[in-house]
């Protein structure tokens, strides 16, 4: 499953190329880092 991190202005979200749509809501950087660490673990960072 391909996902990319997108930044629009000051907000970050994950976008899926499979469903061709965002799969998370827009978050500030610190919120997104916490989400990403929780979702993928420290090795993903």
N, C-alpha and C. Protein backbone atom coordinates (compact mmCIF):
# COMPACT_ATOMS: atom_id res chain seq x y z
N UNK A 1 0.85 -1.16 0.00
CA UNK A 1 0.00 0.00 0.00
C UNK A 1 0.90 1.23 0.00
N UNK A 2 0.77 2.09 -0.99
CA UNK A 2 1.60 3.29 -1.11
C UNK A 2 0.94 4.48 -0.43
N UNK A 3 1.68 5.06 0.49
CA UNK A 3 1.23 6.27 1.16
C UNK A 3 2.37 7.28 1.14
N UNK A 4 2.02 8.52 0.96
CA UNK A 4 3.01 9.57 0.99
C UNK A 4 2.58 10.61 2.02
N UNK A 5 3.55 11.35 2.52
CA UNK A 5 3.28 12.43 3.45
C UNK A 5 3.18 13.72 2.64
N UNK A 6 2.09 14.44 2.85
CA UNK A 6 1.84 15.68 2.12
C UNK A 6 1.81 16.83 3.12
N UNK A 7 2.43 17.95 2.71
CA UNK A 7 2.37 19.16 3.53
C UNK A 7 1.66 20.24 2.73
N UNK A 8 0.60 20.77 3.29
CA UNK A 8 -0.11 21.91 2.72
C UNK A 8 -0.10 23.02 3.75
N UNK A 9 0.59 24.09 3.43
CA UNK A 9 0.80 25.20 4.36
C UNK A 9 1.42 24.66 5.63
N UNK A 10 0.74 24.68 6.76
CA UNK A 10 1.30 24.20 8.03
C UNK A 10 0.71 22.87 8.46
N UNK A 11 0.02 22.16 7.56
CA UNK A 11 -0.64 20.92 7.92
C UNK A 11 -0.07 19.74 7.14
N UNK A 12 0.01 18.60 7.83
CA UNK A 12 0.54 17.37 7.25
C UNK A 12 -0.54 16.30 7.27
N UNK A 13 -0.53 15.44 6.27
CA UNK A 13 -1.44 14.30 6.25
C UNK A 13 -0.86 13.22 5.35
N UNK A 14 -1.39 12.01 5.50
CA UNK A 14 -0.98 10.90 4.64
C UNK A 14 -1.97 10.79 3.48
N UNK A 15 -1.43 10.52 2.31
CA UNK A 15 -2.23 10.37 1.10
C UNK A 15 -1.98 8.98 0.55
N UNK A 16 -3.03 8.29 0.18
CA UNK A 16 -2.91 6.94 -0.35
C UNK A 16 -3.08 6.97 -1.87
N UNK A 17 -2.15 6.33 -2.57
CA UNK A 17 -2.27 6.23 -4.03
C UNK A 17 -3.22 5.09 -4.41
N UNK A 18 -3.51 4.21 -3.46
CA UNK A 18 -4.43 3.10 -3.72
C UNK A 18 -5.87 3.62 -3.83
N UNK A 19 -6.29 4.40 -2.85
CA UNK A 19 -7.65 4.93 -2.87
C UNK A 19 -7.71 6.33 -3.48
N UNK A 20 -6.54 6.88 -3.82
CA UNK A 20 -6.43 8.21 -4.44
C UNK A 20 -7.13 9.27 -3.60
N UNK A 21 -6.83 9.25 -2.29
CA UNK A 21 -7.46 10.19 -1.37
C UNK A 21 -6.63 10.26 -0.08
N UNK A 22 -6.81 11.32 0.71
CA UNK A 22 -6.16 11.38 2.01
C UNK A 22 -6.70 10.27 2.92
N UNK A 23 -5.82 9.72 3.75
CA UNK A 23 -6.25 8.68 4.70
C UNK A 23 -6.13 9.15 6.15
N UNK A 24 -5.65 10.37 6.35
CA UNK A 24 -5.67 11.01 7.66
C UNK A 24 -6.16 12.44 7.47
N UNK A 25 -6.52 13.06 8.55
CA UNK A 25 -6.90 14.47 8.49
C UNK A 25 -5.65 15.33 8.63
N UNK A 26 -5.73 16.60 8.30
CA UNK A 26 -4.60 17.51 8.42
C UNK A 26 -4.25 17.77 9.87
N UNK A 27 -2.94 17.68 10.17
CA UNK A 27 -2.47 17.89 11.54
C UNK A 27 -1.25 18.80 11.52
N UNK A 28 -1.04 19.51 12.61
CA UNK A 28 0.18 20.28 12.77
C UNK A 28 1.35 19.29 12.87
N UNK A 29 2.57 19.78 12.66
CA UNK A 29 3.72 18.89 12.59
C UNK A 29 3.89 18.03 13.85
N UNK A 30 3.80 18.62 15.03
CA UNK A 30 3.99 17.84 16.26
C UNK A 30 2.90 16.78 16.42
N UNK A 31 1.67 17.11 16.05
CA UNK A 31 0.59 16.12 16.09
C UNK A 31 0.85 14.99 15.11
N UNK A 32 1.29 15.36 13.90
CA UNK A 32 1.55 14.35 12.87
C UNK A 32 2.70 13.43 13.28
N UNK A 33 3.75 14.00 13.85
CA UNK A 33 4.88 13.17 14.31
C UNK A 33 4.43 12.18 15.37
N UNK A 34 3.60 12.63 16.30
CA UNK A 34 3.09 11.73 17.35
C UNK A 34 2.23 10.63 16.73
N UNK A 35 1.36 10.99 15.78
CA UNK A 35 0.53 10.00 15.09
C UNK A 35 1.42 8.99 14.35
N UNK A 36 2.40 9.49 13.61
CA UNK A 36 3.26 8.64 12.79
C UNK A 36 4.08 7.68 13.67
N UNK A 37 4.60 8.20 14.77
CA UNK A 37 5.37 7.36 15.69
C UNK A 37 4.48 6.28 16.29
N UNK A 38 3.25 6.63 16.63
CA UNK A 38 2.31 5.67 17.19
C UNK A 38 1.91 4.61 16.15
N UNK A 39 1.71 5.04 14.91
CA UNK A 39 1.25 4.15 13.86
C UNK A 39 2.36 3.22 13.33
N UNK A 40 3.56 3.76 13.14
CA UNK A 40 4.63 3.01 12.49
C UNK A 40 5.82 2.69 13.38
N UNK A 41 5.83 3.20 14.61
CA UNK A 41 6.93 2.94 15.53
C UNK A 41 8.14 3.81 15.24
N UNK A 42 9.11 3.69 16.11
CA UNK A 42 10.31 4.51 15.99
C UNK A 42 11.13 4.19 14.76
N UNK A 43 11.07 2.95 14.29
CA UNK A 43 11.84 2.58 13.10
C UNK A 43 11.29 3.28 11.87
N UNK A 44 10.02 3.64 11.88
CA UNK A 44 9.41 4.34 10.75
C UNK A 44 9.80 5.80 10.67
N UNK A 45 10.24 6.34 11.80
CA UNK A 45 10.63 7.75 11.81
C UNK A 45 11.99 7.88 11.17
